[in-house]
C-alpha atoms as a PDB file:
ATOM      1  CA  MET A   1      24.741   2.232 -12.817  1.00  0.00           C
ATOM      2  CA  MET A   2      25.547   5.816 -11.948  1.00  0.00           C
ATOM      3  CA  ASN A   3      23.440   5.592  -8.715  1.00  0.00           C
ATOM      4  CA  ASP A   4      25.350   2.482  -7.674  1.00  0.00           C
ATOM      5  CA  GLN A   5      28.683   4.260  -8.172  1.00  0.00           C
ATOM      6  CA  VAL A   6      27.499   7.288  -6.183  1.00  0.00           C
ATOM      7  CA  THR A   7      26.191   5.036  -3.443  1.00  0.00           C
ATOM      8  CA  THR A   8      29.534   3.114  -3.306  1.00  0.00           C
ATOM      9  CA  LEU A   9      31.516   6.288  -3.175  1.00  0.00           C
ATOM     10  CA  GLY A  10      29.248   7.726  -0.490  1.00  0.00           C
ATOM     11  CA  SER A  11      29.564   4.600   1.540  1.00  0.00           C
ATOM     12  CA  SER A  12      33.329   4.678   1.409  1.00  0.00           C
ATOM     13  CA  ALA A  13      33.321   8.251   2.538  1.00  0.00           C
ATOM     14  CA  GLY A  14      30.866   7.526   5.395  1.00  0.00           C
ATOM     15  CA  TYR A  15      28.273   9.872   3.688  1.00  0.00           C
ATOM     16  CA  GLY A  16      29.165  12.718   6.015  1.00  0.00           C
ATOM     17  CA  ILE A  17      25.742  12.672   7.644  1.00  0.00           C
ATOM     18  CA  SER A  18      25.307  12.891  11.393  1.00  0.00           C
ATOM     19  CA  GLN A  19      23.560  10.193  13.389  1.00  0.00           C
ATOM     20  CA  GLU A  20      20.857  12.653  14.377  1.00  0.00           C
ATOM     21  CA  GLU A  21      20.090  13.410  10.743  1.00  0.00           C
ATOM     22  CA  ARG A  22      19.910   9.696   9.871  1.00  0.00           C
ATOM     23  CA  HIS A  23      17.444   9.085  12.701  1.00  0.00           C
ATOM     24  CA  LYS A  24      15.354  12.050  11.568  1.00  0.00           C
ATOM     25  CA  VAL A  25      15.156  10.693   8.053  1.00  0.00           C
ATOM     26  CA  LEU A  26      14.198   7.224   9.445  1.00  0.00           C
ATOM     27  CA  ARG A  27      11.571   8.707  11.739  1.00  0.00           C
ATOM     28  CA  ASN A  28      10.008  10.770   8.994  1.00  0.00           C
ATOM     29  CA  THR A  29      10.133   7.791   6.673  1.00  0.00           C
ATOM     30  CA  TYR A  30       8.256   5.605   9.194  1.00  0.00           C
ATOM     31  CA  TRP A  31       5.586   8.267   9.729  1.00  0.00           C
ATOM     32  CA  LEU A  32       5.013   8.772   6.043  1.00  0.00           C
ATOM     33  CA  LEU A  33       5.093   5.000   5.418  1.00  0.00           C
ATOM     34  CA  ALA A  34       2.343   4.513   8.019  1.00  0.00           C
ATOM     35  CA  LEU A  35       0.351   7.442   6.494  1.00  0.00           C
ATOM     36  CA  SER A  36       0.686   5.892   2.972  1.00  0.00           C
ATOM     37  CA  MET A  37      -1.191   2.820   4.048  1.00  0.00           C
ATOM     38  CA  ILE A  38      -4.393   4.877   4.468  1.00  0.00           C
ATOM     39  CA  PRO A  39      -4.823   5.729   0.770  1.00  0.00           C
ATOM     40  CA  THR A  40      -3.657   2.233  -0.110  1.00  0.00           C
ATOM     41  CA  VAL A  41      -6.449   0.639   1.940  1.00  0.00           C
ATOM     42  CA  LEU A  42      -8.911   3.300   0.620  1.00  0.00           C
ATOM     43  CA  GLY A  43      -7.991   2.521  -2.966  1.00  0.00           C
ATOM     44  CA  ALA A  44      -8.199  -1.163  -2.365  1.00  0.00           C
ATOM     45  CA  TRP A  45     -11.625  -0.821  -0.667  1.00  0.00           C
ATOM     46  CA  ILE A  46     -12.984   1.337  -3.522  1.00  0.00           C
ATOM     47  CA  GLY A  47     -11.643  -1.133  -6.125  1.00  0.00           C
ATOM     48  CA  VAL A  48     -13.252  -4.152  -4.429  1.00  0.00           C
ATOM     49  CA  ALA A  49     -16.553  -2.306  -3.713  1.00  0.00           C
ATOM     50  CA  THR A  50     -17.021  -0.913  -7.213  1.00  0.00           C
ATOM     51  CA  GLY A  51     -15.261  -3.591  -9.280  1.00  0.00           C
ATOM     52  CA  ILE A  52     -13.641  -0.752 -11.258  1.00  0.00           C
ATOM     53  CA  THR A  53     -10.514  -2.756 -11.966  1.00  0.00           C
ATOM     54  CA  GLN A  54     -12.195  -5.989 -13.006  1.00  0.00           C
ATOM     55  CA  SER A  55     -11.901  -5.121 -16.664  1.00  0.00           C
ATOM     56  CA  LEU A  56      -8.131  -4.622 -16.361  1.00  0.00           C
ATOM     57  CA  ARG A  57      -7.077  -8.085 -17.534  1.00  0.00           C
ATOM     58  CA  GLY A  58      -4.109  -9.397 -19.413  1.00  0.00           C
ATOM     59  CA  GLY A  59      -2.124  -6.901 -21.557  1.00  0.00           C
ATOM     60  CA  VAL A  60      -4.527  -4.008 -20.870  1.00  0.00           C
ATOM     61  CA  GLY A  61      -4.168  -4.330 -17.097  1.00  0.00           C
ATOM     62  CA  LEU A  62      -0.427  -4.649 -17.439  1.00  0.00           C
ATOM     63  CA  ILE A  63      -0.145  -1.463 -19.544  1.00  0.00           C
ATOM     64  CA  VAL A  64      -2.329   0.510 -17.101  1.00  0.00           C
ATOM     65  CA  PHE A  65      -0.470  -0.736 -14.070  1.00  0.00           C
ATOM     66  CA  LEU A  66       3.114  -0.241 -15.427  1.00  0.00           C
ATOM     67  CA  GLY A  67       2.285   3.057 -17.170  1.00  0.00           C
ATOM     68  CA  GLY A  68       0.609   4.489 -14.153  1.00  0.00           C
ATOM     69  CA  ALA A  69       3.203   3.261 -11.661  1.00  0.00           C
ATOM     70  CA  PHE A  70       6.162   4.546 -13.644  1.00  0.00           C
ATOM     71  CA  ALA A  71       4.483   7.863 -14.302  1.00  0.00           C
ATOM     72  CA  PHE A  72       3.826   8.326 -10.614  1.00  0.00           C
ATOM     73  CA  MET A  73       7.370   7.342  -9.678  1.00  0.00           C
ATOM     74  CA  TYR A  74       8.764   9.834 -12.117  1.00  0.00           C
ATOM     75  CA  ALA A  75       6.558  12.559 -10.672  1.00  0.00           C
ATOM     76  CA  ILE A  76       7.625  11.637  -7.099  1.00  0.00           C
ATOM     77  CA  GLU A  77      11.252  11.856  -8.112  1.00  0.00           C
ATOM     78  CA  LYS A  78      10.655  15.350  -9.526  1.00  0.00           C
ATOM     79  CA  THR A  79       8.726  16.622  -6.516  1.00  0.00           C
ATOM     80  CA  LYS A  80      10.468  14.875  -3.630  1.00  0.00           C
ATOM     81  CA  ARG A  81      12.173  18.142  -2.506  1.00  0.00           C
ATOM     82  CA  SER A  82       9.031  20.305  -2.725  1.00  0.00           C
ATOM     83  CA  ALA A  83       5.732  20.605  -0.946  1.00  0.00           C
ATOM     84  CA  ALA A  84       4.075  18.600  -3.626  1.00  0.00           C
ATOM     85  CA  GLY A  85       6.185  15.525  -2.846  1.00  0.00           C
ATOM     86  CA  VAL A  86       4.023  14.009  -0.070  1.00  0.00           C
ATOM     87  CA  PRO A  87       0.645  14.532  -1.855  1.00  0.00           C
ATOM     88  CA  VAL A  88       2.103  12.940  -5.050  1.00  0.00           C
ATOM     89  CA  LEU A  89       3.422   9.956  -3.103  1.00  0.00           C
ATOM     90  CA  LEU A  90       0.030   9.504  -1.339  1.00  0.00           C
ATOM     91  CA  ALA A  91      -1.775   9.664  -4.708  1.00  0.00           C
ATOM     92  CA  PHE A  92       0.578   6.917  -5.931  1.00  0.00           C
ATOM     93  CA  THR A  93      -0.251   4.683  -2.979  1.00  0.00           C
ATOM     94  CA  PHE A  94      -3.920   5.227  -3.659  1.00  0.00           C
ATOM     95  CA  PHE A  95      -3.378   4.133  -7.229  1.00  0.00           C
ATOM     96  CA  MET A  96      -1.385   1.083  -6.027  1.00  0.00           C
ATOM     97  CA  GLY A  97      -4.279   0.105  -3.679  1.00  0.00           C
ATOM     98  CA  LEU A  98      -6.708   0.418  -6.549  1.00  0.00           C
ATOM     99  CA  MET A  99      -4.475  -1.839  -8.708  1.00  0.00           C
ATOM    100  CA  LEU A 100      -4.239  -4.415  -5.908  1.00  0.00           C
ATOM    101  CA  SER A 101      -7.961  -4.502  -5.474  1.00  0.00           C
ATOM    102  CA  ARG A 102      -8.516  -7.025  -8.266  1.00  0.00           C
ATOM    103  CA  MET A 103      -6.387  -9.667  -6.555  1.00  0.00           C
ATOM    104  CA  ILE A 104      -7.817  -8.851  -3.167  1.00  0.00           C
ATOM    105  CA  GLY A 105     -11.344  -9.266  -4.651  1.00  0.00           C
ATOM    106  CA  MET A 106     -10.459 -12.660  -6.067  1.00  0.00           C
ATOM    107  CA  VAL A 107      -8.987 -13.835  -2.763  1.00  0.00           C
ATOM    108  CA  LEU A 108     -12.012 -12.558  -0.790  1.00  0.00           C
ATOM    109  CA  GLY A 109     -14.099 -14.778  -3.174  1.00  0.00           C
ATOM    110  CA  PHE A 110     -12.710 -17.741  -1.292  1.00  0.00           C
ATOM    111  CA  LYS A 111     -14.540 -19.036   1.697  1.00  0.00           C
ATOM    112  CA  ASN A 112     -11.445 -18.255   3.825  1.00  0.00           C
ATOM    113  CA  GLY A 113     -10.569 -15.191   1.890  1.00  0.00           C
ATOM    114  CA  THR A 114     -10.545 -12.841   4.822  1.00  0.00           C
ATOM    115  CA  ASP A 115      -8.209 -15.066   6.739  1.00  0.00           C
ATOM    116  CA  LEU A 116      -5.833 -15.244   3.747  1.00  0.00           C
ATOM    117  CA  VAL A 117      -5.739 -11.457   3.451  1.00  0.00           C
ATOM    118  CA  MET A 118      -5.048 -11.049   7.188  1.00  0.00           C
ATOM    119  CA  THR A 119      -2.389 -13.799   6.999  1.00  0.00           C
ATOM    120  CA  ALA A 120      -0.644 -12.015   4.113  1.00  0.00           C
ATOM    121  CA  PHE A 121      -0.820  -8.760   6.134  1.00  0.00           C
ATOM    122  CA  ALA A 122       0.640 -10.399   9.216  1.00  0.00           C
ATOM    123  CA  GLY A 123       3.325 -12.097   7.207  1.00  0.00           C
ATOM    124  CA  THR A 124       4.382  -8.850   5.517  1.00  0.00           C
ATOM    125  CA  ALA A 125       4.520  -7.099   8.891  1.00  0.00           C
ATOM    126  CA  GLY A 126       6.638  -9.959  10.261  1.00  0.00           C
ATOM    127  CA  VAL A 127       9.034  -9.665   7.302  1.00  0.00           C
ATOM    128  CA  PHE A 128       9.292  -5.889   7.832  1.00  0.00           C
ATOM    129  CA  PHE A 129      10.011  -6.369  11.585  1.00  0.00           C
ATOM    130  CA  VAL A 130      12.734  -8.992  10.860  1.00  0.00           C
ATOM    131  CA  MET A 131      14.415  -6.878   8.206  1.00  0.00           C
ATOM    132  CA  ALA A 132      14.250  -3.690  10.383  1.00  0.00           C
ATOM    133  CA  THR A 133      15.855  -5.594  13.208  1.00  0.00           C
ATOM    134  CA  LEU A 134      18.606  -7.011  10.904  1.00  0.00           C
ATOM    135  CA  ALA A 135      19.237  -3.574   9.521  1.00  0.00           C
ATOM    136  CA  SER A 136      19.841  -2.161  13.010  1.00  0.00           C
ATOM    137  CA  VAL A 137      22.255  -4.869  14.085  1.00  0.00           C
ATOM    138  CA  ILE A 138      24.260  -5.637  10.884  1.00  0.00           C
ATOM    139  CA  LYS A 139      27.355  -3.434  10.859  1.00  0.00           C
ATOM    140  CA  ARG A 140      28.564  -4.443   7.436  1.00  0.00           C
ATOM    141  CA  ASP A 141      28.025  -2.023   4.444  1.00  0.00           C
ATOM    142  CA  LEU A 142      25.337  -3.555   2.219  1.00  0.00           C
ATOM    143  CA  SER A 143      25.492  -0.984  -0.527  1.00  0.00           C
ATOM    144  CA  GLY A 144      26.973  -3.554  -2.927  1.00  0.00           C
ATOM    145  CA  MET A 145      23.649  -5.522  -2.747  1.00  0.00           C
ATOM    146  CA  GLY A 146      21.938  -2.920  -4.802  1.00  0.00           C
ATOM    147  CA  LYS A 147      23.090  -3.898  -8.294  1.00  0.00           C
ATOM    148  CA  TRP A 148      22.389  -7.607  -7.685  1.00  0.00           C
ATOM    149  CA  LEU A 149      18.885  -6.848  -6.353  1.00  0.00           C
ATOM    150  CA  MET A 150      18.224  -4.678  -9.287  1.00  0.00           C
ATOM    151  CA  VAL A 151      19.196  -7.430 -11.714  1.00  0.00           C
ATOM    152  CA  GLY A 152      16.960  -9.833  -9.777  1.00  0.00           C
ATOM    153  CA  ALA A 153      14.010  -7.471  -9.849  1.00  0.00           C
ATOM    154  CA  LEU A 154      14.370  -6.890 -13.618  1.00  0.00           C
ATOM    155  CA  VAL A 155      14.478 -10.651 -14.274  1.00  0.00           C
ATOM    156  CA  LEU A 156      11.440 -11.062 -11.979  1.00  0.00           C
ATOM    157  CA  MET A 157       9.493  -8.318 -13.847  1.00  0.00           C
ATOM    158  CA  ALA A 158      10.292  -9.945 -17.169  1.00  0.00           C
ATOM    159  CA  GLY A 159       9.091 -13.284 -15.871  1.00  0.00           C
ATOM    160  CA  ALA A 160       5.889 -11.754 -14.453  1.00  0.00           C
ATOM    161  CA  ILE A 161       5.141 -10.000 -17.748  1.00  0.00           C
ATOM    162  CA  ILE A 162       5.505 -13.298 -19.648  1.00  0.00           C
ATOM    163  CA  ASN A 163       3.336 -15.038 -17.212  1.00  0.00           C
ATOM    164  CA  VAL A 164       0.542 -12.503 -17.673  1.00  0.00           C
ATOM    165  CA  PHE A 165       0.093 -13.854 -21.187  1.00  0.00           C
ATOM    166  CA  VAL A 166       0.906 -17.519 -20.318  1.00  0.00           C
ATOM    167  CA  GLY A 167      -1.343 -17.596 -17.284  1.00  0.00           C
ATOM    168  CA  SER A 168       0.458 -20.449 -15.484  1.00  0.00           C
ATOM    169  CA  SER A 169      -0.416 -21.060 -11.854  1.00  0.00           C
ATOM    170  CA  VAL A 170       2.926 -22.843 -11.340  1.00  0.00           C
ATOM    171  CA  GLY A 171       4.738 -19.800 -12.922  1.00  0.00           C
ATOM    172  CA  MET A 172       2.806 -17.478 -10.612  1.00  0.00           C
ATOM    173  CA  MET A 173       3.853 -19.527  -7.601  1.00  0.00           C
ATOM    174  CA  ALA A 174       7.497 -19.503  -8.639  1.00  0.00           C
ATOM    175  CA  ILE A 175       7.443 -15.728  -9.311  1.00  0.00           C
ATOM    176  CA  SER A 176       5.640 -15.061  -6.039  1.00  0.00           C
ATOM    177  CA  VAL A 177       8.241 -17.060  -3.988  1.00  0.00           C
ATOM    178  CA  ALA A 178      11.079 -15.316  -5.877  1.00  0.00           C
ATOM    179  CA  ALA A 179       9.459 -11.858  -5.247  1.00  0.00           C
ATOM    180  CA  ILE A 180       9.115 -12.501  -1.535  1.00  0.00           C
ATOM    181  CA  GLY A 181      12.865 -13.306  -1.335  1.00  0.00           C
ATOM    182  CA  ILE A 182      14.047 -10.448  -3.554  1.00  0.00           C
ATOM    183  CA  PHE A 183      11.879  -7.678  -2.055  1.00  0.00           C
ATOM    184  CA  SER A 184      12.575  -8.872   1.544  1.00  0.00           C
ATOM    185  CA  ALA A 185      16.202  -8.463   0.785  1.00  0.00           C
ATOM    186  CA  TYR A 186      15.477  -5.103  -0.820  1.00  0.00           C
ATOM    187  CA  MET A 187      13.724  -4.108   2.413  1.00  0.00           C
ATOM    188  CA  LEU A 188      16.892  -4.838   4.336  1.00  0.00           C
ATOM    189  CA  TYR A 189      18.978  -2.944   1.803  1.00  0.00           C
ATOM    190  CA  ASP A 190      16.731   0.109   1.843  1.00  0.00           C
ATOM    191  CA  LEU A 191      16.538   0.279   5.546  1.00  0.00           C
ATOM    192  CA  LYS A 192      20.321  -0.098   5.854  1.00  0.00           C
ATOM    193  CA  GLN A 193      20.735   2.722   3.288  1.00  0.00           C
ATOM    194  CA  ILE A 194      18.765   5.050   5.612  1.00  0.00           C
ATOM    195  CA  LEU A 195      20.551   3.979   8.745  1.00  0.00           C
ATOM    196  CA  ASP A 196      23.941   4.354   7.136  1.00  0.00           C
ATOM    197  CA  GLY A 197      23.153   7.730   5.672  1.00  0.00           C
ATOM    198  CA  GLY A 198      23.035   6.589   2.038  1.00  0.00           C
ATOM    199  CA  GLU A 199      19.424   7.824   1.615  1.00  0.00           C
ATOM    200  CA  THR A 200      18.754  11.339   2.977  1.00  0.00           C
ATOM    201  CA  ASN A 201      15.399  12.138   1.438  1.00  0.00           C
ATOM    202  CA  TYR A 202      12.456  10.621   3.412  1.00  0.00           C
ATOM    203  CA  ILE A 203      10.110  10.755   0.484  1.00  0.00           C
ATOM    204  CA  SER A 204      12.510   8.642  -1.708  1.00  0.00           C
ATOM    205  CA  ALA A 205      13.096   6.350   1.247  1.00  0.00           C
ATOM    206  CA  THR A 206       9.344   5.886   1.846  1.00  0.00           C
ATOM    207  CA  LEU A 207       8.772   5.120  -1.809  1.00  0.00           C
ATOM    208  CA  ALA A 208      11.466   2.453  -1.846  1.00  0.00           C
ATOM    209  CA  LEU A 209      10.153   0.794   1.378  1.00  0.00           C
ATOM    210  CA  TYR A 210       6.544   1.074   0.230  1.00  0.00           C
ATOM    211  CA  LEU A 211       7.322  -0.780  -3.033  1.00  0.00           C
ATOM    212  CA  ASP A 212       9.171  -3.448  -1.032  1.00  0.00           C
ATOM    213  CA  ILE A 213       6.160  -3.944   1.274  1.00  0.00           C
ATOM    214  CA  PHE A 214       3.688  -3.791  -1.547  1.00  0.00           C
ATOM    215  CA  ASN A 215       5.479  -6.499  -3.509  1.00  0.00           C
ATOM    216  CA  VAL A 216       5.957  -8.815  -0.528  1.00  0.00           C
ATOM    217  CA  PHE A 217       2.256  -8.478   0.429  1.00  0.00           C
ATOM    218  CA  GLN A 218       1.015  -8.959  -3.140  1.00  0.00           C
ATOM    219  CA  SER A 219       3.235 -11.995  -3.561  1.00  0.00           C
ATOM    220  CA  LEU A 220       2.182 -13.573  -0.254  1.00  0.00           C
ATOM    221  CA  LEU A 221      -1.409 -13.012  -1.104  1.00  0.00           C
ATOM    222  CA  ALA A 222      -1.061 -14.607  -4.548  1.00  0.00           C
ATOM    223  CA  LEU A 223       0.792 -17.544  -3.041  1.00  0.00           C
ATOM    224  CA  LEU A 224      -1.797 -18.008  -0.269  1.00  0.00           C
ATOM    225  CA  GLY A 225      -4.706 -17.715  -2.772  1.00  0.00           C
ATOM    226  CA  ILE A 226      -3.173 -20.362  -5.084  1.00  0.00           C
ATOM    227  CA  MET A 227      -2.229 -22.816  -2.316  1.00  0.00           C
ATOM    228  CA  GLY A 228      -4.735 -22.157   0.512  1.00  0.00           C
ATOM    229  CA  GLY A 229      -7.908 -20.802  -1.158  1.00  0.00           C
ATOM    230  CA  GLU A 230     -11.041 -22.784  -0.153  1.00  0.00           C
ATOM    231  CA  ARG A 231     -14.027 -22.626  -2.503  1.00  0.00           C
ATOM    232  CA  ASP A 232     -17.612 -22.903  -1.252  1.00  0.00           C
END
């Protein structure tokens, strides 16, 4: 709530950040975002190759994932203005790749698994391109979207946690569709915050966009696996 108020006040005041500084933050964010994909892919590859995450099912998997993710995000917030910020962020993206490996492994078990993974990747890249284009042409202040998107994300998280124990394919499909919509909108919001000068730390900006991309990719992959997976 406090962050929303600060953001709104900053927006009203124009943030007081020059166009050159905004472009610098955006440029550094894009570079770090691209770099973050390397440990993500490495973590996913190690997870698939070793099967190390196969035992993380149900409540145990949920606790490990949420506990690890929130611990890393706390550490990133504490180190974002120091030399340790980038290594901590990259360690987080490796962890996220490792956590994603179980789903990737399941999808690769389908006859058309490789095609599904590439389709999810291409779809995520397409969403990012569209949102980046929209963020650059929309002149309206979108800072008010933040609180509504947060509510949507919290409801989505609650639904996802419940579905871990219920194990409903229909529930998973509904959650995946909702997640694609919410995190695509979050992508637009986070990019606009950078362009408008509302986010001035490139590590925080990278973390926000990485989570948007991760959630869209994961949701697309789950949806494609449920609807388009072909068994031998």
